[in-house]
Amino acid sequence: MKAAIHPNYHADAKIVCACGNSFTVGSTVDEIHVELCSKCHPFYTGQQKLVDTGRRVEKFGDRMAASAAKAVTAGGKKVKNAKRAAQKEAKKASKAQLEA
């Protein structure tokens, strides 16, 4: 390593959260102030609320249900291809009857 170009490393840097929790870690800064930590963040404390803004989750569920219903009634590509093939066979059979 080159001398005098790297920051000083503090093995006992103090992290202080807004909730009052503090702990030590290794850092190039002697003291760090943070707003959230694992003791007060809603994700880690289990108090997280999921907010369904504008019914987005319900709207998505409705779209998926409508899509599934449409797929069942209309069929997918396989059903359409099978119908097309049956129509072609019927057309060939009718031509063969007319020629005979």
C-alpha atoms as a PDB file:
ATOM      1  CA  MET A   1       0.000   0.000   0.000  1.00  0.00           C
ATOM      2  CA  LYS A   2       1.131   3.517  -0.652  1.00  0.00           C
ATOM      3  CA  ALA A   3       1.695   5.666   2.398  1.00  0.00           C
ATOM      4  CA  ALA A   4      -0.359   8.814   3.147  1.00  0.00           C
ATOM      5  CA  ILE A   5      -3.127   8.195   0.603  1.00  0.00           C
ATOM      6  CA  HIS A   6      -5.435   5.901   2.602  1.00  0.00           C
ATOM      7  CA  PRO A   7      -7.856   7.174   5.272  1.00  0.00           C
ATOM      8  CA  ASN A   8      -7.307   6.238   8.902  1.00  0.00           C
ATOM      9  CA  TYR A   9      -9.257   3.164   9.985  1.00  0.00           C
ATOM     10  CA  HIS A  10     -11.019   3.273  13.357  1.00  0.00           C
ATOM     11  CA  ALA A  11     -11.729  -0.238  14.616  1.00  0.00           C
ATOM     12  CA  ASP A  12     -14.017   1.098  17.348  1.00  0.00           C
ATOM     13  CA  ALA A  13     -16.117   3.672  15.465  1.00  0.00           C
ATOM     14  CA  LYS A  14     -19.327   4.517  17.310  1.00  0.00           C
ATOM     15  CA  ILE A  15     -22.691   4.353  15.500  1.00  0.00           C
ATOM     16  CA  VAL A  16     -25.458   6.349  17.202  1.00  0.00           C
ATOM     17  CA  CYS A  17     -29.100   5.975  16.114  1.00  0.00           C
ATOM     18  CA  ALA A  18     -31.843   8.559  16.587  1.00  0.00           C
ATOM     19  CA  CYS A  19     -33.690   6.066  18.815  1.00  0.00           C
ATOM     20  CA  GLY A  20     -30.767   6.097  21.256  1.00  0.00           C
ATOM     21  CA  ASN A  21     -29.245   2.751  20.326  1.00  0.00           C
ATOM     22  CA  SER A  22     -25.482   2.765  19.829  1.00  0.00           C
ATOM     23  CA  PHE A  23     -22.925   0.152  18.820  1.00  0.00           C
ATOM     24  CA  THR A  24     -19.376  -0.035  17.523  1.00  0.00           C
ATOM     25  CA  VAL A  25     -18.097  -1.097  14.123  1.00  0.00           C
ATOM     26  CA  GLY A  26     -14.988  -0.571  12.039  1.00  0.00           C
ATOM     27  CA  SER A  27     -15.052   2.531   9.862  1.00  0.00           C
ATOM     28  CA  THR A  28     -12.950   5.350   8.471  1.00  0.00           C
ATOM     29  CA  VAL A  29     -15.155   7.838  10.358  1.00  0.00           C
ATOM     30  CA  ASP A  30     -14.820   8.073  14.140  1.00  0.00           C
ATOM     31  CA  GLU A  31     -18.543   8.640  14.909  1.00  0.00           C
ATOM     32  CA  ILE A  32     -21.602   8.165  12.687  1.00  0.00           C
ATOM     33  CA  HIS A  33     -25.152   9.367  13.407  1.00  0.00           C
ATOM     34  CA  VAL A  34     -27.971   7.459  11.673  1.00  0.00           C
ATOM     35  CA  GLU A  35     -31.752   7.813  11.658  1.00  0.00           C
ATOM     36  CA  LEU A  36     -32.702   4.132  11.636  1.00  0.00           C
ATOM     37  CA  CYS A  37     -31.109   0.960  12.969  1.00  0.00           C
ATOM     38  CA  SER A  38     -32.172  -2.669  13.335  1.00  0.00           C
ATOM     39  CA  LYS A  39     -33.718  -1.899  16.742  1.00  0.00           C
ATOM     40  CA  CYS A  40     -36.145   0.740  15.442  1.00  0.00           C
ATOM     41  CA  HIS A  41     -36.675  -0.006  11.730  1.00  0.00           C
ATOM     42  CA  PRO A  42     -40.241  -1.288  11.087  1.00  0.00           C
ATOM     43  CA  PHE A  43     -39.022  -4.145   8.875  1.00  0.00           C
ATOM     44  CA  TYR A  44     -36.898  -5.627  11.645  1.00  0.00           C
ATOM     45  CA  THR A  45     -39.301  -4.908  14.514  1.00  0.00           C
ATOM     46  CA  GLY A  46     -42.262  -6.581  12.774  1.00  0.00           C
ATOM     47  CA  GLN A  47     -44.403  -3.436  12.812  1.00  0.00           C
ATOM     48  CA  GLN A  48     -44.227  -2.927   9.070  1.00  0.00           C
ATOM     49  CA  LYS A  49     -47.511  -1.932   7.434  1.00  0.00           C
ATOM     50  CA  LEU A  50     -48.258  -2.569   3.786  1.00  0.00           C
ATOM     51  CA  VAL A  51     -50.269   0.319   2.402  1.00  0.00           C
ATOM     52  CA  ASP A  52     -52.364  -0.458  -0.655  1.00  0.00           C
ATOM     53  CA  THR A  53     -52.312   2.939  -2.319  1.00  0.00           C
ATOM     54  CA  GLY A  54     -55.044   3.339  -4.876  1.00  0.00           C
ATOM     55  CA  ARG A  55     -56.167  -0.308  -4.604  1.00  0.00           C
ATOM     56  CA  ARG A  56     -53.189  -1.361  -6.720  1.00  0.00           C
ATOM     57  CA  VAL A  57     -53.033  -4.875  -5.262  1.00  0.00           C
ATOM     58  CA  GLU A  58     -56.772  -5.444  -5.745  1.00  0.00           C
ATOM     59  CA  LYS A  59     -56.653  -4.058  -9.285  1.00  0.00           C
ATOM     60  CA  PHE A  60     -53.768  -6.387 -10.124  1.00  0.00           C
ATOM     61  CA  GLY A  61     -55.689  -9.345  -8.701  1.00  0.00           C
ATOM     62  CA  ASP A  62     -58.750  -8.389 -10.741  1.00  0.00           C
ATOM     63  CA  ARG A  63     -56.683  -8.155 -13.935  1.00  0.00           C
ATOM     64  CA  MET A  64     -55.093 -11.547 -13.285  1.00  0.00           C
ATOM     65  CA  ALA A  65     -58.500 -13.154 -12.618  1.00  0.00           C
ATOM     66  CA  ALA A  66     -59.930 -11.637 -15.799  1.00  0.00           C
ATOM     67  CA  SER A  67     -56.911 -12.833 -17.760  1.00  0.00           C
ATOM     68  CA  ALA A  68     -57.257 -16.366 -16.395  1.00  0.00           C
ATOM     69  CA  ALA A  69     -60.994 -16.424 -17.159  1.00  0.00           C
ATOM     70  CA  LYS A  70     -60.353 -15.216 -20.699  1.00  0.00           C
ATOM     71  CA  ALA A  71     -57.699 -17.882 -21.227  1.00  0.00           C
ATOM     72  CA  VAL A  72     -60.105 -20.601 -20.068  1.00  0.00           C
ATOM     73  CA  THR A  73     -63.000 -19.467 -22.260  1.00  0.00           C
ATOM     74  CA  ALA A  74     -61.075 -18.438 -25.367  1.00  0.00           C
ATOM     75  CA  GLY A  75     -58.328 -20.995 -25.091  1.00  0.00           C
ATOM     76  CA  GLY A  76     -54.682 -20.438 -25.684  1.00  0.00           C
ATOM     77  CA  LYS A  77     -52.557 -20.792 -28.789  1.00  0.00           C
ATOM     78  CA  LYS A  78     -52.881 -24.563 -28.745  1.00  0.00           C
ATOM     79  CA  VAL A  79     -56.669 -24.371 -28.841  1.00  0.00           C
ATOM     80  CA  LYS A  80     -56.600 -21.790 -31.638  1.00  0.00           C
ATOM     81  CA  ASN A  81     -54.106 -23.849 -33.642  1.00  0.00           C
ATOM     82  CA  ALA A  82     -56.223 -26.973 -33.187  1.00  0.00           C
ATOM     83  CA  LYS A  83     -59.331 -25.101 -34.395  1.00  0.00           C
ATOM     84  CA  ARG A  84     -57.421 -23.804 -37.403  1.00  0.00           C
ATOM     85  CA  ALA A  85     -56.164 -27.279 -38.254  1.00  0.00           C
ATOM     86  CA  ALA A  86     -59.696 -28.711 -37.958  1.00  0.00           C
ATOM     87  CA  GLN A  87     -61.015 -26.003 -40.277  1.00  0.00           C
ATOM     88  CA  LYS A  88     -58.321 -26.784 -42.848  1.00  0.00           C
ATOM     89  CA  GLU A  89     -59.119 -30.500 -42.686  1.00  0.00           C
ATOM     90  CA  ALA A  90     -62.823 -29.790 -43.113  1.00  0.00           C
ATOM     91  CA  LYS A  91     -62.057 -27.573 -46.090  1.00  0.00           C
ATOM     92  CA  LYS A  92     -59.884 -30.303 -47.672  1.00  0.00           C
ATOM     93  CA  ALA A  93     -62.613 -32.900 -47.051  1.00  0.00           C
ATOM     94  CA  SER A  94     -65.270 -30.713 -48.692  1.00  0.00           C
ATOM     95  CA  LYS A  95     -63.016 -30.119 -51.731  1.00  0.00           C
ATOM     96  CA  ALA A  96     -62.400 -33.871 -52.012  1.00  0.00           C
ATOM     97  CA  GLN A  97     -66.173 -34.563 -51.953  1.00  0.00           C
ATOM     98  CA  LEU A  98     -66.786 -31.948 -54.660  1.00  0.00           C
ATOM     99  CA  GLU A  99     -64.089 -33.417 -56.900  1.00  0.00           C
ATOM    100  CA  ALA A 100     -65.289 -36.991 -56.487  1.00  0.00           C
END
